[in-house]
Structures are given as C-alpha cells and as structure tokens.
Amino acid sequence: MMHEDRYGNAFTTSSDEAADAYREGVDLLLASWQGTAEAFERAIDVDPDFALAHIARARVHSFYQQGDLARKKAAIARELVARRGSMRERSHVETLALAVEGRLPEAIAATLKHIETWPRDAVVLSLPLGAFGLFAFSGMADHDRARQDLCDSVARHYDEDWWFLTTHGWTLTENGNVSRGRAITERGFALRRENAHGAHTVLHAMFEDGSIEEADRFVEQWIPAYDRSGLLYSHLRWHQALVALEKDDAPRALAIYADVLHPSITKAAPLNMVTDIASLLWRLTAYGHTVPKRLWSEADAVAQGLFPNSSLPFVDVHMALFAAASDDPKALQTRLAAVEQRLADGKLPAGPVVPAICRALAAFAEEDYAACVRLLAPVLGEVVRIGGSHAQRELIEDTYIVALMRSGELPRARAVLDARLHRRPSLRDRRWQAAMG
C-alpha cells in the first residue's frame, strides 16, 4: 500500500498506523526532538516489513554510536526494499545505509544523485548539511559553501517548510552571510518552535552576530519545553556555557557543566558529549580559569572508552585535547601515530592539518607557546577541514591567539583579533585587546 510523507514522497507500508508513526518520526528526526526512536519503533512493530522505518531507525542508532545495531537495521532495510520498494525507496535506503556504514565518499555521491531526482526527500537531503554531516566530515575545505550551494539549488522545492528554512538559514550563517541566515532561520523556527534543530541554528546565528545576552535569554526561555533526553539538550546548554565564557563568568560555565555536561549526567550522543566536554574544559583552561584535574580525568576515562581508536578528524582533535590536558603523552602519541598512518595510507581526507593541530595542542599544554604558534600558523586556513561548526572550530584559533599573547607576540595577536572582530563581535576578544594595551 502506498502512502506519502509530508513532502509528497510515496512510501510502501501495509499499515495506516505504521505510515502515521513514520511520518511523525521523520518530523521528530528533522527537529531533533524526543520520541524519534520510539516513533520509528512503533512503525516497525506494526509493519515489520517497512523498509524506510528500519533505515530511519538505523540512522538514529548511528547518532548514539550504536554501530552494530545501525548496520543490522540497514541490512534489514536493504533486503526489504529490494522485495517491495519503488526506485526512490531503494535509492533512499541505499543512501542512508552508506552513511550509517561510514562510507562517506559513496554516501555523498549517492546523496547528490538522489537529490537530483527527488529534491524533496528531506531525510536524504539532511545527510550532508549538519555540522556533523557528510560534507563537514568529508575533509573538504569548502564544505560551508557546499552546504549553502546545495540548499540554494533546492530551495524552490521547499517554500516555507520549517525544517528547510532553519537548515538553509544555518548554511548561510556558517558561510558568512549572518544577517540573512539569521532572518531565514528565525522565520523557520517561528513555524515550529518544538524544534531543537531550529533552536540550535538560531543560537549559531546569535553567536556569530554577537547577540550573547539575547542568546542566553533564548535558551532560558525555550529549553524548559525540551526534554533532557533530547539529542541536542546538552549541546544547547553548551552554547549557553560559551555565552558565560564570553562574559568571563567561569563559575556559571562550570555550573552548566556540572548540571548537564558531566559524563555521569549527560544524555547526549557520544560525539556531542566528548567534543562538548573537551572543548569547554579546554576553553576554560586556555582563558586562564582553573579547571579541577578530576574533571579532565573523569571525562577522559569515558572518552577513551567511547573512542579508543583513531576515528573522525574532529574526534581525533578533541581526544588530543584530553591527552594534552591530562598530561598523557602516551595516549597522545598513540593517537598521533594512528592519524599519521591514515594520512600515509591516503585515508585522511582532512590532510596534515589534523596531526599539526594535535601537536600544537600538546605544545600549548606543555606551555611551549612558541612551538604552538609555529605549528598552528601554517594550517589555520585548513582547520575547517576537520568539520564541525565555526563556533566549535574557533577553539583552535583561540588557542593560537592565547599562545601568541603568552609568547610575547603581541602585534601578531592584535592583528588576528582585529580581523576576527571584523567578522564577529566578541566581548572576550575586546577584553584581550584591552589587556594588550
């Protein structure tokens, strides 16, 4: 029996109830809202042969580092869609399966081909667009531009769709068109406020245009409607901790850490959990605030268990933060060796920027600020290759600026700050300027 999703894409299921649960699950998935997995599970329970529900559930498993479960669901979806699925459904399942399996180049190629024919397949379109999406983790130096270009190319197909507007606005913001990006993002968010993805994109726009007080109020007013189990709950509070640091309020940042980010408390997906913890604690330390060693050691133990081997460059860099801050040269050397082997084998699309950053972070932790500057200066323009958002990657530039100041290279530090303040208003950068006279 054929049904349609909210975007007019036909899909096959024998049950009206399963179709309703799947449509609900897709909206919850796109909104990063609680209940996503449960909706897809309901669809599967009612119709065990529903291929698209299985591959959607695989996608959610992959968010939570449940690789075995994700791959099993993907295999089931492939088998089912081959028996009873349209061309779009088969392409949809295969594209998501490639992404779930971590086959990035193949998944990107399949996504772009799929979108040419079915531009309103929002679930597939979402794959390359996030800070942790296929484009961001591809090693591309121009993934900010690639995301915007892709959204621009399909915008006419989406009109005033709440998910697409918030996503399109975010791609504009990340690509430097902040005022237009914020306007489009807020237009989409107004259409559906039960949308953690949309709240996240609004916060990025506020970060980029310097509206930190507004960002703080926004989180305080909106977050009570979002369950702590939600995919982005802890990450949204991480953004609030960055606001606290902008205002030089380390106690508040640490209070937010204790409330929602500490590994014994957080319900975040592993990738967000590890990277948010490492980057926040590192920022606190780099900005001159005291971070109890136990916070590093507690988080490091969890992070090592989740990501024991070399993985994504974005992960490698944050694991280097743990090793450097924990004074664990063996862990850092093991991580570096794995990264450099992947580089030598041609399996590190992000390139030599990854080991360079890891070495620079180690030098900073050892208070060899001149070495940190020497290592980072040639690769600052390539940091974008590790993926993530601009707000997340700014940690590397912050480390570079502090290293410049502490090594006495004040003219270079002023020049970097002047250029950055031209791009993004920042109370912290102004404090640093004032401290240098």
Protein backbone atom coordinates (compact mmCIF):
# COMPACT_ATOMS: atom_id res chain seq x y z
CA MET A 1 0.00 0.00 0.00
CA MET A 2 1.40 3.41 -0.96
CA HIS A 3 1.38 6.38 1.38
CA GLU A 4 3.05 9.78 1.22
CA ASP A 5 5.28 11.61 3.68
CA ARG A 6 4.80 15.29 4.45
CA TYR A 7 6.94 16.20 1.44
CA GLY A 8 4.83 14.21 -1.03
CA ASN A 9 7.24 11.27 -1.35
CA ALA A 10 5.45 7.94 -1.76
CA PHE A 11 6.45 5.06 0.51
CA THR A 12 5.32 1.47 0.94
CA THR A 13 3.72 0.03 4.04
CA SER A 14 0.75 -2.25 4.64
CA SER A 15 -0.48 -0.21 7.61
CA ASP A 16 -2.02 3.23 8.01
CA GLU A 17 -0.86 3.19 11.63
CA ALA A 18 2.73 2.47 10.59
CA ALA A 19 2.55 5.24 7.99
CA ASP A 20 1.38 7.74 10.63
CA ALA A 21 4.14 6.68 13.04
CA TYR A 22 6.76 7.01 10.30
CA ARG A 23 5.57 10.49 9.31
CA GLU A 24 5.70 11.53 12.95
CA GLY A 25 9.18 10.02 13.31
CA VAL A 26 10.50 11.91 10.29
CA ASP A 27 9.34 15.25 11.70
CA LEU A 28 10.82 14.41 15.11
CA LEU A 29 14.08 13.35 13.43
CA LEU A 30 14.32 16.61 11.50
CA ALA A 31 13.53 18.57 14.67
CA SER A 32 16.00 16.57 16.83
CA TRP A 33 13.06 16.07 19.19
CA GLN A 34 12.46 13.45 21.83
CA GLY A 35 10.45 10.39 20.82
CA THR A 36 12.11 9.93 17.43
CA ALA A 37 13.33 6.37 18.00
CA GLU A 38 10.05 5.38 19.63
CA ALA A 39 8.04 6.58 16.61
CA PHE A 40 10.12 4.51 14.21
CA GLU A 41 9.92 1.51 16.55
CA ARG A 42 6.12 1.79 16.54
CA ALA A 43 6.12 1.79 12.76
CA ILE A 44 8.31 -1.32 12.70
CA ASP A 45 6.22 -3.11 15.33
CA VAL A 46 3.06 -2.59 13.28
CA ASP A 47 4.72 -3.40 9.94
CA PRO A 48 7.96 -5.38 10.33
CA ASP A 49 8.46 -5.23 6.54
CA PHE A 50 8.52 -1.41 6.45
CA ALA A 51 11.96 -0.74 4.94
CA LEU A 52 12.04 3.04 5.39
CA ALA A 53 11.20 2.74 9.08
CA HIS A 54 14.11 0.31 9.54
CA ILE A 55 16.63 2.59 7.81
CA ALA A 56 15.37 5.61 9.75
CA ARG A 57 15.85 3.66 12.98
CA ALA A 58 19.35 2.77 11.80
CA ARG A 59 20.08 6.48 11.40
CA VAL A 60 19.06 7.16 14.99
CA HIS A 61 21.18 4.24 16.22
CA SER A 62 24.18 5.77 14.44
CA PHE A 63 23.75 9.04 16.36
CA TYR A 64 24.35 7.14 19.59
CA GLN A 65 27.42 5.20 18.48
CA GLN A 66 25.37 2.01 18.21
CA GLY A 67 27.16 0.88 15.09
CA ASP A 68 26.26 -2.82 15.21
CA LEU A 69 22.56 -2.11 15.64
CA ALA A 70 22.65 0.54 12.92
CA ARG A 71 24.31 -1.78 10.43
CA LYS A 72 21.89 -4.61 11.22
CA LYS A 73 18.92 -2.31 10.65
CA ALA A 74 20.47 -1.07 7.41
CA ALA A 75 20.92 -4.64 6.19
CA ILE A 76 17.29 -5.43 7.00
CA ALA A 77 16.14 -2.30 5.19
CA ARG A 78 18.17 -3.22 2.08
CA GLU A 79 16.66 -6.69 1.99
CA LEU A 80 13.09 -5.45 2.50
CA VAL A 81 13.24 -2.61 -0.01
CA ALA A 82 14.57 -4.97 -2.67
CA ARG A 83 11.39 -7.05 -2.28
CA ARG A 84 8.85 -4.26 -2.22
CA GLY A 85 10.12 -0.77 -2.86
CA SER A 86 9.99 1.91 -5.52
CA MET A 87 13.09 3.34 -7.16
CA ARG A 88 13.04 6.26 -4.72
CA GLU A 89 12.71 3.97 -1.73
CA ARG A 90 15.59 1.79 -2.90
CA SER A 91 17.78 4.83 -3.50
CA HIS A 92 16.70 6.33 -0.15
CA VAL A 93 17.59 3.17 1.75
CA GLU A 94 20.91 2.69 -0.02
CA THR A 95 21.98 6.29 0.53
CA LEU A 96 21.19 6.22 4.25
CA ALA A 97 22.80 2.79 4.59
CA LEU A 98 26.05 4.09 3.10
CA ALA A 99 26.01 6.97 5.59
CA VAL A 100 25.27 4.64 8.51
CA GLU A 101 28.19 2.43 7.46
CA GLY A 102 30.56 5.41 7.40
CA ARG A 103 31.26 5.16 3.67
CA LEU A 104 31.43 8.91 3.26
CA PRO A 105 32.53 9.41 -0.35
CA GLU A 106 29.97 6.86 -1.59
CA ALA A 107 27.27 8.34 0.63
CA ILE A 108 27.95 11.87 -0.66
CA ALA A 109 27.82 10.72 -4.28
CA ALA A 110 24.60 8.79 -3.64
CA THR A 111 23.03 11.74 -1.82
CA LEU A 112 23.72 14.21 -4.61
CA LYS A 113 22.43 11.79 -7.24
CA HIS A 114 19.30 11.09 -5.22
CA ILE A 115 18.52 14.76 -4.64
CA GLU A 116 18.75 15.49 -8.36
CA THR A 117 15.74 13.23 -8.90
CA TRP A 118 13.91 13.60 -5.57
CA PRO A 119 14.83 17.05 -4.20
CA ARG A 120 12.03 16.94 -1.60
CA ASP A 121 13.39 13.87 0.15
CA ALA A 122 14.31 15.83 3.27
CA VAL A 123 15.72 12.87 5.20
CA VAL A 124 18.32 12.25 2.48
CA LEU A 125 18.94 15.99 1.98
CA SER A 126 19.71 16.33 5.69
CA LEU A 127 22.67 13.93 5.47
CA PRO A 128 25.31 16.37 4.19
CA LEU A 129 24.04 19.56 5.82
CA GLY A 130 24.81 19.49 9.55
CA ALA A 131 27.94 20.39 11.50
CA PHE A 132 28.48 16.62 11.78
CA GLY A 133 27.12 15.91 8.29
CA LEU A 134 28.69 14.20 5.31
CA PHE A 135 30.11 17.44 3.87
CA ALA A 136 31.59 18.58 7.19
CA PHE A 137 33.34 15.27 7.79
CA SER A 138 34.47 14.81 4.19
CA GLY A 139 37.73 16.73 4.63
CA MET A 140 36.51 19.40 2.20
CA ALA A 141 37.95 22.87 2.70
CA ASP A 142 34.82 24.46 1.24
CA HIS A 143 32.09 22.48 2.99
CA ASP A 144 30.46 25.67 4.30
CA ARG A 145 30.00 26.85 0.72
CA ALA A 146 28.96 23.37 -0.47
CA ARG A 147 26.13 23.21 2.08
CA GLN A 148 24.80 26.61 1.10
CA ASP A 149 25.06 25.84 -2.61
CA LEU A 150 23.12 22.61 -2.16
CA CYS A 151 20.36 24.36 -0.19
CA ASP A 152 20.23 27.21 -2.70
CA SER A 153 19.80 24.70 -5.50
CA VAL A 154 16.71 23.05 -3.97
CA ALA A 155 15.13 25.99 -2.12
CA ARG A 156 12.39 26.42 -4.71
CA HIS A 157 11.12 22.94 -3.85
CA TYR A 158 10.58 23.69 -0.15
CA ASP A 159 8.76 27.04 0.03
CA GLU A 160 8.08 27.87 3.71
CA ASP A 161 8.96 24.49 5.18
CA TRP A 162 10.05 24.88 8.81
CA TRP A 163 12.89 22.34 8.65
CA PHE A 164 14.32 23.59 5.37
CA LEU A 165 14.22 27.27 6.39
CA THR A 166 16.15 26.65 9.62
CA THR A 167 18.65 24.46 7.77
CA HIS A 168 19.09 26.84 4.84
CA GLY A 169 19.50 29.77 7.23
CA TRP A 170 22.19 27.90 9.15
CA THR A 171 24.16 27.18 5.98
CA LEU A 172 24.09 30.91 5.16
CA THR A 173 25.22 31.81 8.67
CA GLU A 174 28.11 29.33 8.59
CA ASN A 175 29.15 30.60 5.17
CA GLY A 176 29.43 34.18 6.40
CA ASN A 177 26.05 35.64 5.42
CA VAL A 178 24.95 36.00 9.03
CA SER A 179 22.20 38.63 8.81
CA ARG A 180 20.35 36.85 6.00
CA GLY A 181 20.98 33.47 7.62
CA ARG A 182 19.54 34.60 10.95
CA ALA A 183 16.44 36.09 9.30
CA ILE A 184 15.68 32.87 7.40
CA THR A 185 16.44 30.68 10.41
CA GLU A 186 14.13 32.65 12.69
CA ARG A 187 11.37 32.56 10.07
CA GLY A 188 11.57 28.78 10.00
CA PHE A 189 11.80 28.44 13.77
CA ALA A 190 8.66 30.55 14.20
CA LEU A 191 6.76 27.98 12.16
CA ARG A 192 7.62 25.18 14.60
CA ARG A 193 9.10 26.01 17.97
CA GLU A 194 9.16 22.38 19.11
CA ASN A 195 12.31 22.10 17.05
CA ALA A 196 15.65 21.67 18.79
CA HIS A 197 17.44 21.72 15.45
CA GLY A 198 15.88 25.12 14.80
CA ALA A 199 16.78 26.42 18.26
CA HIS A 200 20.34 25.32 17.61
CA THR A 201 20.53 27.20 14.32
CA VAL A 202 19.14 30.33 15.98
CA LEU A 203 21.86 30.12 18.65
CA HIS A 204 24.56 29.84 15.98
CA ALA A 205 23.28 33.00 14.31
CA MET A 206 23.28 34.82 17.65
CA PHE A 207 26.82 33.62 18.35
CA GLU A 208 28.04 34.90 15.01
CA ASP A 209 26.42 38.34 15.28
CA GLY A 210 27.45 38.83 18.90
CA SER A 211 23.96 38.73 20.45
CA ILE A 212 25.14 36.87 23.52
CA GLU A 213 22.68 38.32 26.04
CA GLU A 214 19.84 37.52 23.67
CA ALA A 215 21.22 34.00 23.22
CA ASP A 216 21.29 33.48 26.98
CA ARG A 217 17.68 34.62 27.36
CA PHE A 218 16.65 32.49 24.39
CA VAL A 219 17.98 29.30 25.99
CA GLU A 220 16.48 30.11 29.38
CA GLN A 221 13.05 30.74 27.90
CA TRP A 222 12.98 27.90 25.37
CA ILE A 223 14.84 24.98 26.99
CA PRO A 224 12.15 24.04 29.58
CA ALA A 225 9.99 22.72 26.71
CA TYR A 226 12.73 20.29 25.66
CA ASP A 227 13.32 17.04 27.48
CA ARG A 228 16.81 16.43 28.87
CA SER A 229 16.93 13.21 26.88
CA GLY A 230 16.66 15.16 23.63
CA LEU A 231 19.54 14.73 21.19
CA LEU A 232 20.63 18.38 21.42
CA TYR A 233 19.68 19.27 25.01
CA SER A 234 23.20 19.16 26.44
CA HIS A 235 24.68 20.80 23.34
CA LEU A 236 22.28 23.73 23.58
CA ARG A 237 23.36 24.23 27.18
CA TRP A 238 26.98 24.01 25.97
CA HIS A 239 26.20 27.02 23.80
CA GLN A 240 24.93 28.74 26.92
CA ALA A 241 28.22 27.92 28.66
CA LEU A 242 30.05 29.63 25.78
CA VAL A 243 27.92 32.70 26.44
CA ALA A 244 29.03 32.59 30.08
CA LEU A 245 32.66 32.48 28.98
CA GLU A 246 32.09 35.44 26.66
CA LYS A 247 31.05 37.33 29.79
CA ASP A 248 34.07 35.96 31.71
CA ASP A 249 31.74 34.07 34.03
CA ALA A 250 33.66 30.84 34.61
CA PRO A 251 31.62 29.77 37.67
CA ARG A 252 28.45 29.78 35.58
CA ALA A 253 30.11 27.82 32.78
CA LEU A 254 31.27 25.23 35.31
CA ALA A 255 27.78 25.11 36.86
CA ILE A 256 26.31 24.34 33.44
CA TYR A 257 28.97 21.66 33.00
CA ALA A 258 28.04 20.09 36.34
CA ASP A 259 24.32 20.25 35.56
CA VAL A 260 24.18 18.74 32.07
CA LEU A 261 27.59 18.08 30.50
CA HIS A 262 29.43 15.94 33.06
CA PRO A 263 29.70 12.38 31.66
CA SER A 264 27.86 10.91 34.65
CA ILE A 265 24.86 13.13 33.94
CA THR A 266 24.66 13.95 30.25
CA LYS A 267 22.28 12.14 27.93
CA ALA A 268 23.98 13.50 24.83
CA ALA A 269 25.04 11.36 21.92
CA PRO A 270 28.68 10.25 22.31
CA LEU A 271 30.10 12.54 19.62
CA ASN A 272 28.50 15.63 21.15
CA MET A 273 29.30 14.52 24.67
CA VAL A 274 33.03 14.03 24.12
CA THR A 275 33.60 17.08 21.94
CA ASP A 276 31.50 19.45 24.06
CA ILE A 277 33.22 18.39 27.27
CA ALA A 278 36.74 18.59 25.86
CA SER A 279 36.22 21.94 24.16
CA LEU A 280 34.54 23.61 27.14
CA LEU A 281 37.15 22.46 29.66
CA TRP A 282 39.96 23.43 27.27
CA ARG A 283 38.47 26.89 26.73
CA LEU A 284 38.20 27.44 30.47
CA THR A 285 41.85 26.50 30.93
CA ALA A 286 43.10 28.50 27.95
CA TYR A 287 41.22 31.59 29.11
CA GLY A 288 43.04 31.42 32.43
CA HIS A 289 40.40 29.80 34.64
CA THR A 290 41.05 26.90 37.00
CA VAL A 291 39.64 23.54 35.99
CA PRO A 292 39.90 20.79 38.62
CA LYS A 293 42.05 17.95 37.30
CA ARG A 294 39.39 15.43 38.30
CA LEU A 295 37.04 16.90 35.69
CA TRP A 296 39.57 16.10 32.98
CA SER A 297 40.36 12.62 34.33
CA GLU A 298 36.68 11.64 34.77
CA ALA A 299 35.78 12.76 31.27
CA ASP A 300 38.92 11.30 29.71
CA ALA A 301 38.14 7.84 31.07
CA VAL A 302 34.71 7.92 29.43
CA ALA A 303 36.03 9.39 26.17
CA GLN A 304 38.73 6.72 25.85
CA GLY A 305 36.08 4.05 26.23
CA LEU A 306 33.89 5.57 23.53
CA PHE A 307 36.61 6.47 21.03
CA PRO A 308 39.62 4.24 21.75
CA ASN A 309 40.88 4.28 18.17
CA SER A 310 41.51 6.89 15.54
CA SER A 311 38.22 7.88 14.00
CA LEU A 312 36.97 11.14 12.53
CA PRO A 313 39.46 14.03 12.49
CA PHE A 314 37.04 16.06 14.59
CA VAL A 315 37.15 13.33 17.22
CA ASP A 316 40.93 12.94 16.96
CA VAL A 317 41.45 16.64 17.69
CA HIS A 318 39.20 16.55 20.74
CA MET A 319 40.81 13.36 22.01
CA ALA A 320 44.13 15.20 21.69
CA LEU A 321 42.69 17.86 24.00
CA PHE A 322 42.05 15.18 26.61
CA ALA A 323 45.54 13.70 26.24
CA ALA A 324 47.25 17.09 26.37
CA ALA A 325 45.26 18.41 29.33
CA SER A 326 45.62 15.13 31.22
CA ASP A 327 49.38 15.12 30.65
CA ASP A 328 49.19 11.74 28.95
CA PRO A 329 51.94 11.73 26.30
CA LYS A 330 51.49 8.03 25.62
CA ALA A 331 47.81 8.49 24.69
CA LEU A 332 48.68 11.44 22.52
CA GLN A 333 51.46 9.59 20.70
CA THR A 334 49.20 6.60 20.11
CA ARG A 335 46.53 8.87 18.67
CA LEU A 336 49.07 10.73 16.54
CA ALA A 337 50.57 7.53 15.20
CA ALA A 338 47.15 6.31 14.11
CA VAL A 339 46.34 9.64 12.45
CA GLU A 340 49.67 9.77 10.63
CA GLN A 341 49.26 6.19 9.43
CA ARG A 342 45.88 7.08 7.95
CA LEU A 343 47.49 10.11 6.34
CA ALA A 344 50.28 7.97 4.86
CA ASP A 345 47.71 5.45 3.60
CA GLY A 346 45.72 8.19 1.88
CA LYS A 347 42.77 7.62 4.22
CA LEU A 348 42.73 11.04 5.91
CA PRO A 349 40.89 13.43 3.57
CA ALA A 350 41.34 16.31 6.02
CA GLY A 351 45.09 16.06 5.42
CA PRO A 352 48.11 17.11 7.51
CA VAL A 353 46.18 19.77 9.41
CA VAL A 354 44.99 17.05 11.80
CA PRO A 355 48.37 15.93 13.21
CA ALA A 356 49.55 19.56 13.19
CA ILE A 357 46.66 20.60 15.43
CA CYS A 358 47.25 17.67 17.77
CA ARG A 359 50.92 18.56 18.17
CA ALA A 360 50.10 22.23 18.70
CA LEU A 361 47.63 21.39 21.47
CA ALA A 362 50.27 19.28 23.20
CA ALA A 363 52.76 22.15 22.97
CA PHE A 364 50.22 24.55 24.45
CA ALA A 365 49.54 22.21 27.38
CA GLU A 366 53.29 21.97 27.97
CA GLU A 367 53.42 25.81 27.97
CA ASP A 368 55.65 25.81 24.90
CA TYR A 369 53.65 28.62 23.35
CA ALA A 370 56.20 29.46 20.68
CA ALA A 371 56.01 25.88 19.39
CA CYS A 372 52.23 26.04 19.45
CA VAL A 373 52.31 29.18 17.31
CA ARG A 374 54.86 27.67 14.94
CA LEU A 375 52.72 24.55 14.44
CA LEU A 376 49.36 26.29 14.05
CA ALA A 377 50.28 29.32 11.94
CA PRO A 378 50.73 27.44 8.64
CA VAL A 379 47.49 25.43 8.97
CA LEU A 380 44.95 27.91 10.38
CA GLY A 381 43.32 28.22 6.98
CA GLU A 382 42.88 24.44 6.83
CA VAL A 383 41.24 23.93 10.23
CA VAL A 384 37.84 23.94 8.53
CA ARG A 385 38.73 20.51 7.10
CA ILE A 386 38.20 18.79 10.46
CA GLY A 387 34.47 19.53 10.31
CA GLY A 388 32.13 20.81 12.96
CA SER A 389 30.75 24.34 13.10
CA HIS A 390 32.57 27.66 13.16
CA ALA A 391 31.71 28.04 16.86
CA GLN A 392 33.30 24.67 17.59
CA ARG A 393 36.41 25.25 15.46
CA GLU A 394 37.00 28.67 17.00
CA LEU A 395 38.66 26.83 19.86
CA ILE A 396 41.72 26.29 17.65
CA GLU A 397 42.01 29.98 16.78
CA ASP A 398 41.52 30.88 20.45
CA THR A 399 44.40 28.58 21.35
CA TYR A 400 46.55 30.26 18.70
CA ILE A 401 45.73 33.78 19.96
CA VAL A 402 46.45 32.90 23.58
CA ALA A 403 49.72 31.25 22.53
CA LEU A 404 50.69 34.42 20.65
CA MET A 405 49.97 36.56 23.70
CA ARG A 406 51.81 34.27 26.10
CA SER A 407 54.83 34.01 23.81
CA GLY A 408 55.05 37.81 23.65
CA GLU A 409 53.99 38.16 20.01
CA LEU A 410 51.52 40.94 20.75
CA PRO A 411 51.47 42.63 17.31
CA ARG A 412 50.51 39.34 15.65
CA ALA A 413 47.89 38.68 18.32
CA ARG A 414 46.39 42.15 17.78
CA ALA A 415 46.25 41.59 14.03
CA VAL A 416 44.39 38.29 14.44
CA LEU A 417 41.98 39.84 16.94
CA ASP A 418 41.33 42.85 14.71
CA ALA A 419 40.47 40.57 11.79
CA ARG A 420 38.25 38.37 13.92
CA LEU A 421 36.38 41.29 15.49
CA HIS A 422 35.63 42.49 12.00
CA ARG A 423 33.91 39.13 11.34
CA ARG A 424 32.26 38.57 14.72
CA PRO A 425 31.73 40.91 17.69
CA SER A 426 33.18 39.31 20.82
CA LEU A 427 33.39 40.59 24.38
CA ARG A 428 36.26 38.21 25.07
CA ASP A 429 38.27 39.46 22.11
CA ARG A 430 37.77 43.04 23.26
CA ARG A 431 38.99 42.07 26.73
CA TRP A 432 42.07 40.52 25.19
CA GLN A 433 42.70 43.66 23.14
CA ALA A 434 42.39 45.82 26.24
CA ALA A 435 44.76 43.58 28.18
CA MET A 436 47.42 44.06 25.50
CA GLY A 437 47.05 47.87 25.65
